[in-house]
Amino acid sequence: MSTKTLRVLFMFLLLAIMAIPAGAAEPVKIGALFSITGPPSFLGEPERNTAQMVVDEINKSGGLKGRKIELVVYDTQGDPTKANQAATRLIKENKVVAIIGPSTTGETMAIIPIVEKAKIPLISCAAGVKITEPTKKWVFKTAQNDALAVARIYEHLKKRRISKVAILTVSDGFGSSGREQLKAQAKNYNIQIISDETYGPKDTDMTAQITKIRGSQAQALICWGTNPGPAVIARNVKQLGLKIPLYMSHGVSSKKFIELAGDASEGIILPSGRVLVANYLPNSDPQKKSLIAYVKNYQKRYKTEGDHFGGHAWDAVMLLKGAIERGGDTPAAIRDQLEKTKGFSGIGGVFSFSPQDHAGLTKDAFVLVEVKKKKWVLAKE
């Protein structure tokens, strides 16, 4: 081959390299652990859908500093062991720079030692207060704390002059954390827990517990759990003719609960993020614009409304986006910028993190909602 031919080939090769677009740069890999199937699928499916939707929107707009995001998703099925295995795989095999999820408190608590040891930032989509209290260096969360949810319920009870309550909590990580908070905060509101019952995550009938509560002096019943259990309890309460107010946790804050509970959902009150009642919010609300956009975008893509749970994933992806844009895409830089986040108006609330606070929300992140004619509306305070 002649020298002239080699020069021409070299020039073609050089021009080809120069023509490679910026988008061909290595993607930013973000891991995601969601309960897409299994009992908590009502959490994980909208979270997975939302995360992918937001990532696609970011990539369509040019990515992060010219780099696309690659979302690596594993289905944990709500199983802490599977969450452990998937988290290890994300870190060791997929080389992700951050992880969002898991969907549940139990799974999150199980993988915390893994991400802390690997020094990979985690933004959990679960609610248990113990996820971020005490503060862990590499762990953040977007779901509103159960401690804040309990405070909102107790404030409402106090306004209604209700002082004697029964509690019925599921015996898993979420339920245990809620039960702990219900008992710990009762004295602060002069509330007496006169019946303390539990049920198993797979139980399909709670009439025995509700019969006991019906025989007590309880003025209200507070149920703490995630679907399908609370829907069963709502139906059992109606079947047994229990006439006291029924409160639920934010663990059932979606249309799915109304579908499962049917007519028995009427009048039930619970604390929720604002996404369920976005249209009822005043225009001055700093979250309203994001909420309306999220609901509409989700509806357009998935033919159903975006909900409280999918919102946790929206917040997680957008918090990572902001952290990477401000500080870079290494795990350490992401962690540091997450901790410096202030005044971020998301779906779950307005987040402000600090070295002492990796949950970032106050009880104002919650509004009380009520079921009226099978729709969520703002409850009367």
Protein backbone atom coordinates (compact mmCIF):
# COMPACT_ATOMS: atom_id res chain seq x y z
CA MET A 1 0.00 0.00 0.00
CA SER A 2 1.46 3.37 -1.04
CA THR A 3 2.26 6.19 1.35
CA LYS A 4 -0.37 8.34 -0.40
CA THR A 5 -3.07 5.70 0.16
CA LEU A 6 -2.10 5.36 3.84
CA ARG A 7 -2.37 9.13 4.26
CA VAL A 8 -5.86 9.13 2.72
CA LEU A 9 -6.97 6.26 4.97
CA PHE A 10 -5.55 8.03 8.01
CA MET A 11 -7.44 11.22 7.12
CA PHE A 12 -10.69 9.28 6.69
CA LEU A 13 -10.15 7.59 10.08
CA LEU A 14 -9.39 10.92 11.76
CA LEU A 15 -12.49 12.53 10.28
CA ALA A 16 -14.61 9.55 11.35
CA ILE A 17 -13.37 9.84 14.92
CA MET A 18 -14.02 13.58 14.95
CA ALA A 19 -17.54 12.96 13.63
CA ILE A 20 -18.52 10.72 16.59
CA PRO A 21 -21.27 12.62 18.43
CA ALA A 22 -21.00 13.63 22.08
CA GLY A 23 -23.92 11.32 22.81
CA ALA A 24 -21.61 8.35 22.15
CA ALA A 25 -19.84 9.02 25.44
CA GLU A 26 -20.19 6.36 28.12
CA PRO A 27 -23.61 6.59 29.78
CA VAL A 28 -24.12 7.46 33.43
CA LYS A 29 -25.31 4.21 35.01
CA ILE A 30 -27.94 4.51 37.72
CA GLY A 31 -29.26 1.41 39.46
CA ALA A 32 -32.87 0.89 40.51
CA LEU A 33 -34.40 -1.69 42.85
CA PHE A 34 -38.20 -1.89 42.72
CA SER A 35 -40.83 -4.43 43.76
CA ILE A 36 -42.26 -4.64 40.25
CA THR A 37 -43.92 -7.99 41.00
CA GLY A 38 -44.94 -9.64 44.25
CA PRO A 39 -47.16 -8.24 47.02
CA PRO A 40 -45.67 -4.69 46.92
CA SER A 41 -46.05 -4.37 43.14
CA PHE A 42 -48.51 -1.51 43.67
CA LEU A 43 -45.44 0.39 44.92
CA GLY A 44 -42.76 -0.88 42.58
CA GLU A 45 -44.58 -0.81 39.27
CA PRO A 46 -45.38 2.94 39.30
CA GLU A 47 -41.89 3.60 40.67
CA ARG A 48 -40.25 1.69 37.80
CA ASN A 49 -42.54 3.30 35.25
CA THR A 50 -41.89 6.78 36.60
CA ALA A 51 -38.12 6.34 36.83
CA GLN A 52 -37.93 5.16 33.22
CA MET A 53 -40.20 7.97 32.05
CA VAL A 54 -38.07 10.65 33.73
CA VAL A 55 -34.81 9.13 32.49
CA ASP A 56 -36.18 9.05 28.92
CA GLU A 57 -37.20 12.71 29.22
CA ILE A 58 -33.74 13.69 30.46
CA ASN A 59 -32.02 11.74 27.69
CA LYS A 60 -34.30 13.27 25.06
CA SER A 61 -33.24 16.71 26.30
CA GLY A 62 -29.55 15.95 25.94
CA GLY A 63 -28.77 13.88 29.00
CA LEU A 64 -26.50 14.96 31.83
CA LYS A 65 -23.65 17.14 30.62
CA GLY A 66 -23.94 15.50 27.21
CA ARG A 67 -24.07 11.95 28.57
CA LYS A 68 -27.12 9.70 28.48
CA ILE A 69 -28.46 8.01 31.58
CA GLU A 70 -28.64 4.22 31.57
CA LEU A 71 -31.18 2.98 34.11
CA VAL A 72 -30.42 -0.56 35.27
CA VAL A 73 -33.53 -1.98 36.94
CA TYR A 74 -33.94 -5.17 38.97
CA ASP A 75 -37.20 -6.55 40.34
CA THR A 76 -36.83 -7.42 44.03
CA GLN A 77 -40.39 -8.81 44.40
CA GLY A 78 -40.44 -7.19 47.85
CA ASP A 79 -37.90 -9.74 49.11
CA PRO A 80 -34.95 -8.42 51.23
CA THR A 81 -32.75 -11.32 50.12
CA LYS A 82 -33.38 -10.58 46.44
CA ALA A 83 -32.78 -6.89 47.15
CA ASN A 84 -29.41 -7.78 48.69
CA GLN A 85 -28.41 -9.86 45.69
CA ALA A 86 -29.53 -7.21 43.22
CA ALA A 87 -27.77 -4.38 45.08
CA THR A 88 -24.52 -6.35 45.05
CA ARG A 89 -24.92 -7.00 41.33
CA LEU A 90 -25.59 -3.33 40.58
CA ILE A 91 -22.44 -2.31 42.40
CA LYS A 92 -20.02 -5.06 41.36
CA GLU A 93 -21.21 -5.99 37.86
CA ASN A 94 -23.10 -2.99 36.52
CA LYS A 95 -20.78 -0.40 38.15
CA VAL A 96 -23.58 2.05 38.91
CA VAL A 97 -22.78 5.44 40.44
CA ALA A 98 -25.97 5.57 42.55
CA ILE A 99 -29.03 3.46 43.38
CA ILE A 100 -32.69 4.44 43.77
CA GLY A 101 -35.15 2.28 45.71
CA PRO A 102 -35.95 -0.23 47.12
CA SER A 103 -39.72 0.10 47.42
CA THR A 104 -40.11 -1.11 51.01
CA THR A 105 -38.59 -0.38 54.41
CA GLY A 106 -37.54 -3.98 55.06
CA GLU A 107 -35.64 -4.22 51.78
CA THR A 108 -33.99 -0.86 52.31
CA MET A 109 -32.77 -1.74 55.79
CA ALA A 110 -31.34 -4.97 54.37
CA ILE A 111 -29.17 -3.26 51.75
CA ILE A 112 -27.96 -0.31 53.81
CA PRO A 113 -24.80 -2.16 54.98
CA ILE A 114 -23.99 -3.00 51.35
CA VAL A 115 -24.19 0.56 49.99
CA GLU A 116 -22.45 2.00 53.04
CA LYS A 117 -19.53 -0.39 52.63
CA ALA A 118 -19.33 0.20 48.86
CA LYS A 119 -19.73 3.99 49.29
CA ILE A 120 -22.53 4.20 46.73
CA PRO A 121 -25.28 6.79 47.32
CA LEU A 122 -28.73 5.28 47.87
CA ILE A 123 -32.03 7.18 47.59
CA SER A 124 -34.67 4.91 49.08
CA CYS A 125 -38.32 5.10 48.06
CA ALA A 126 -39.50 3.65 51.39
CA ALA A 127 -40.97 5.43 54.40
CA GLY A 128 -39.51 3.92 57.59
CA VAL A 129 -37.93 6.57 59.81
CA LYS A 130 -35.06 4.23 60.69
CA ILE A 131 -33.79 4.41 57.11
CA THR A 132 -32.33 7.85 57.79
CA GLU A 133 -32.46 8.06 61.59
CA PRO A 134 -29.79 7.90 62.72
CA THR A 135 -28.21 9.47 59.64
CA LYS A 136 -26.14 7.18 57.42
CA LYS A 137 -23.50 8.84 55.27
CA TRP A 138 -24.56 7.29 51.94
CA VAL A 139 -28.31 6.84 52.47
CA PHE A 140 -31.10 9.31 51.60
CA LYS A 141 -34.85 8.86 51.03
CA THR A 142 -37.76 10.48 49.21
CA ALA A 143 -40.80 8.85 50.85
CA GLN A 144 -42.24 10.93 53.69
CA ASN A 145 -41.31 9.58 57.12
CA ASP A 146 -43.90 7.58 59.02
CA ALA A 147 -43.10 9.79 62.03
CA LEU A 148 -44.46 12.79 60.11
CA ALA A 149 -47.51 10.82 58.98
CA VAL A 150 -48.35 9.87 62.57
CA ALA A 151 -48.06 13.51 63.64
CA ARG A 152 -50.55 14.61 60.95
CA ILE A 153 -53.07 11.95 62.00
CA TYR A 154 -52.74 12.77 65.70
CA GLU A 155 -53.15 16.50 65.01
CA HIS A 156 -56.40 15.74 63.19
CA LEU A 157 -57.65 13.51 66.00
CA LYS A 158 -56.89 16.21 68.55
CA LYS A 159 -58.91 18.77 66.55
CA ARG A 160 -61.81 16.30 66.55
CA ARG A 161 -61.39 15.83 70.32
CA ILE A 162 -60.68 12.13 69.95
CA SER A 163 -58.39 10.84 72.70
CA LYS A 164 -58.88 7.05 72.73
CA VAL A 165 -57.72 5.05 69.74
CA ALA A 166 -57.16 1.50 68.59
CA ILE A 167 -54.24 0.66 66.33
CA LEU A 168 -53.99 -2.26 63.91
CA THR A 169 -50.56 -2.63 62.30
CA VAL A 170 -48.99 -5.11 59.90
CA SER A 171 -46.10 -7.19 61.24
CA ASP A 172 -43.46 -6.17 58.69
CA GLY A 173 -40.84 -3.41 58.55
CA PHE A 174 -43.27 -0.68 57.56
CA GLY A 175 -45.91 -1.71 60.07
CA SER A 176 -43.46 -2.15 62.92
CA SER A 177 -41.98 1.29 62.32
CA GLY A 178 -45.46 2.85 62.18
CA ARG A 179 -46.54 1.07 65.36
CA GLU A 180 -43.44 2.33 67.12
CA GLN A 181 -44.19 5.91 66.09
CA LEU A 182 -47.89 5.65 66.99
CA LYS A 183 -46.96 4.55 70.50
CA ALA A 184 -44.07 7.00 70.92
CA GLN A 185 -46.03 10.11 69.89
CA ALA A 186 -49.34 9.37 71.62
CA LYS A 187 -48.41 11.18 74.86
CA ASN A 188 -47.52 14.35 72.94
CA TYR A 189 -51.16 14.63 71.81
CA ASN A 190 -52.82 13.30 74.98
CA ILE A 191 -53.93 10.24 73.09
CA GLN A 192 -54.43 6.88 74.78
CA ILE A 193 -53.94 3.67 72.81
CA ILE A 194 -56.47 1.31 74.38
CA SER A 195 -56.20 -1.50 71.83
CA ASP A 196 -52.99 -2.58 70.10
CA GLU A 197 -53.56 -5.31 67.49
CA THR A 198 -51.41 -6.67 64.66
CA TYR A 199 -51.91 -8.78 61.54
CA GLY A 200 -49.65 -10.68 59.17
CA PRO A 201 -48.71 -9.41 55.69
CA LYS A 202 -50.45 -12.40 54.08
CA ASP A 203 -53.55 -12.44 56.31
CA THR A 204 -56.83 -12.34 54.41
CA ASP A 205 -59.29 -11.76 57.26
CA MET A 206 -58.94 -9.50 60.33
CA THR A 207 -62.42 -9.84 61.81
CA ALA A 208 -61.00 -11.30 65.05
CA GLN A 209 -58.90 -8.19 65.71
CA ILE A 210 -61.69 -5.81 64.69
CA THR A 211 -64.19 -7.63 66.90
CA LYS A 212 -61.88 -7.00 69.86
CA ILE A 213 -61.62 -3.34 68.90
CA ARG A 214 -65.40 -3.08 68.55
CA GLY A 215 -65.70 -4.24 72.16
CA SER A 216 -63.31 -1.55 73.39
CA GLN A 217 -63.85 2.15 74.10
CA ALA A 218 -61.86 3.21 71.06
CA GLN A 219 -63.15 6.39 69.39
CA ALA A 220 -61.11 5.85 66.20
CA LEU A 221 -59.14 3.08 64.50
CA ILE A 222 -55.74 3.66 62.90
CA CYS A 223 -54.55 0.98 60.45
CA TRP A 224 -50.89 0.90 59.41
CA GLY A 225 -49.91 -1.22 56.42
CA THR A 226 -49.67 -1.52 52.66
CA ASN A 227 -52.07 -3.18 50.25
CA PRO A 228 -53.85 -5.55 50.21
CA GLY A 229 -54.20 -5.86 54.03
CA PRO A 230 -55.66 -2.39 54.71
CA ALA A 231 -58.31 -2.90 52.03
CA VAL A 232 -59.32 -6.16 53.74
CA ILE A 233 -59.53 -4.30 57.04
CA ALA A 234 -61.72 -1.60 55.50
CA ARG A 235 -64.11 -4.25 54.22
CA ASN A 236 -64.08 -6.10 57.56
CA VAL A 237 -64.85 -2.85 59.40
CA LYS A 238 -67.88 -2.27 57.20
CA GLN A 239 -69.04 -5.89 57.50
CA LEU A 240 -68.88 -5.76 61.31
CA GLY A 241 -70.65 -2.41 61.48
CA LEU A 242 -67.84 -0.60 63.30
CA LYS A 243 -68.97 3.04 63.24
CA ILE A 244 -65.85 4.86 64.48
CA PRO A 245 -63.60 6.89 62.10
CA LEU A 246 -61.04 4.80 60.21
CA TYR A 247 -57.61 6.25 59.45
CA MET A 248 -54.99 4.66 57.20
CA SER A 249 -51.29 5.30 56.71
CA HIS A 250 -49.71 6.84 53.62
CA GLY A 251 -48.84 3.25 52.68
CA VAL A 252 -52.12 3.02 50.74
CA SER A 253 -52.03 6.47 49.17
CA SER A 254 -53.14 5.57 45.64
CA LYS A 255 -56.23 4.77 43.58
CA LYS A 256 -55.38 1.10 43.95
CA PHE A 257 -56.57 1.16 47.56
CA ILE A 258 -59.98 2.51 46.54
CA GLU A 259 -60.24 -0.19 43.87
CA LEU A 260 -59.42 -2.92 46.42
CA ALA A 261 -61.61 -1.60 49.24
CA GLY A 262 -64.55 -0.63 47.04
CA ASP A 263 -67.50 0.94 48.86
CA ALA A 264 -65.76 0.29 52.18
CA SER A 265 -63.22 3.00 51.33
CA GLU A 266 -65.81 5.79 51.69
CA GLY A 267 -64.85 8.30 54.39
CA ILE A 268 -61.40 6.86 55.14
CA ILE A 269 -58.80 9.52 55.97
CA LEU A 270 -55.04 9.34 55.58
CA PRO A 271 -51.94 11.53 55.18
CA SER A 272 -50.63 11.74 51.62
CA GLY A 273 -48.34 13.67 49.39
CA ARG A 274 -50.13 16.33 47.36
CA VAL A 275 -50.08 14.45 44.07
CA LEU A 276 -53.42 12.72 44.76
CA VAL A 277 -55.17 16.09 45.08
CA ALA A 278 -53.02 18.24 42.79
CA ASN A 279 -55.99 19.86 41.08
CA TYR A 280 -57.37 21.08 44.41
CA LEU A 281 -54.19 22.93 45.37
CA PRO A 282 -53.91 26.74 45.17
CA ASN A 283 -51.75 28.11 42.35
CA SER A 284 -49.40 29.51 44.98
CA ASP A 285 -48.38 26.00 46.05
CA PRO A 286 -44.69 25.55 45.02
CA GLN A 287 -45.28 21.90 44.11
CA LYS A 288 -48.37 22.31 41.95
CA LYS A 289 -46.61 22.85 38.62
CA SER A 290 -44.45 19.73 39.01
CA LEU A 291 -47.38 17.70 40.29
CA ILE A 292 -49.69 18.54 37.39
CA ALA A 293 -46.94 17.91 34.83
CA TYR A 294 -46.10 14.55 36.38
CA VAL A 295 -49.71 13.37 36.49
CA LYS A 296 -50.31 14.39 32.86
CA ASN A 297 -47.07 12.90 31.54
CA TYR A 298 -47.67 9.61 33.33
CA GLN A 299 -51.27 9.50 32.07
CA LYS A 300 -50.12 10.09 28.49
CA ARG A 301 -47.49 7.36 28.61
CA TYR A 302 -49.13 4.68 30.77
CA LYS A 303 -52.86 5.45 30.36
CA THR A 304 -53.37 5.88 34.10
CA GLU A 305 -52.64 8.67 36.58
CA GLY A 306 -49.31 9.05 38.28
CA ASP A 307 -49.54 8.48 42.02
CA HIS A 308 -47.92 9.09 45.39
CA PHE A 309 -45.60 6.08 45.03
CA GLY A 310 -44.39 6.79 41.53
CA GLY A 311 -43.64 10.28 42.81
CA HIS A 312 -40.96 8.86 45.10
CA ALA A 313 -39.05 7.67 42.03
CA TRP A 314 -39.59 11.00 40.22
CA ASP A 315 -38.01 12.78 43.16
CA ALA A 316 -35.12 10.31 43.37
CA VAL A 317 -34.16 10.64 39.69
CA MET A 318 -34.51 14.43 39.72
CA LEU A 319 -32.46 14.74 42.90
CA LEU A 320 -29.70 12.70 41.26
CA LYS A 321 -29.95 14.85 38.12
CA GLY A 322 -29.43 18.01 40.15
CA ALA A 323 -26.56 16.51 42.13
CA ILE A 324 -24.73 15.33 39.00
CA GLU A 325 -25.23 18.62 37.16
CA ARG A 326 -23.84 20.55 40.12
CA GLY A 327 -20.98 18.33 41.12
CA GLY A 328 -20.12 15.49 38.76
CA ASP A 329 -20.98 11.83 38.36
CA THR A 330 -18.70 10.08 40.83
CA PRO A 331 -20.44 8.47 43.81
CA ALA A 332 -18.65 10.77 46.25
CA ALA A 333 -19.56 13.92 44.31
CA ILE A 334 -23.19 12.81 44.02
CA ARG A 335 -23.39 12.11 47.75
CA ASP A 336 -21.93 15.47 48.65
CA GLN A 337 -24.29 17.39 46.36
CA LEU A 338 -27.34 15.47 47.53
CA GLU A 339 -26.54 16.53 51.07
CA LYS A 340 -26.34 20.17 49.93
CA THR A 341 -29.75 20.11 48.19
CA LYS A 342 -32.03 22.91 49.43
CA GLY A 343 -35.56 23.89 48.49
CA PHE A 344 -36.12 21.27 45.78
CA SER A 345 -39.86 21.20 44.98
CA GLY A 346 -40.63 17.61 44.10
CA ILE A 347 -43.63 15.32 44.09
CA GLY A 348 -43.32 14.24 47.73
CA GLY A 349 -42.65 17.70 49.12
CA VAL A 350 -40.01 20.43 49.26
CA PHE A 351 -36.69 18.76 50.06
CA SER A 352 -33.84 20.32 52.03
CA PHE A 353 -31.11 17.90 53.08
CA SER A 354 -28.26 18.50 55.50
CA PRO A 355 -25.50 16.44 57.18
CA GLN A 356 -27.96 15.80 60.02
CA ASP A 357 -31.07 15.22 57.85
CA HIS A 358 -31.12 12.81 54.89
CA ALA A 359 -34.95 12.68 54.73
CA GLY A 360 -35.31 16.36 53.93
CA LEU A 361 -39.01 16.87 54.60
CA THR A 362 -41.25 18.29 57.33
CA LYS A 363 -44.82 17.29 58.20
CA ASP A 364 -45.95 19.98 55.75
CA ALA A 365 -45.09 17.48 53.01
CA PHE A 366 -48.35 15.77 53.96
CA VAL A 367 -51.94 16.81 53.44
CA LEU A 368 -54.86 14.85 54.82
CA VAL A 369 -56.99 13.27 52.12
CA GLU A 370 -60.34 11.52 52.31
CA VAL A 371 -62.29 9.17 50.05
CA LYS A 372 -65.49 10.74 48.75
CA LYS A 373 -67.51 8.87 46.12
CA LYS A 374 -64.44 6.75 45.29
CA LYS A 375 -62.22 9.78 44.72
CA TRP A 376 -59.49 11.33 46.82
CA VAL A 377 -60.29 14.84 48.05
CA LEU A 378 -58.75 17.13 50.65
CA ALA A 379 -60.06 16.24 54.09
CA LYS A 380 -61.57 18.93 56.29
CA GLU A 381 -59.06 19.99 58.93
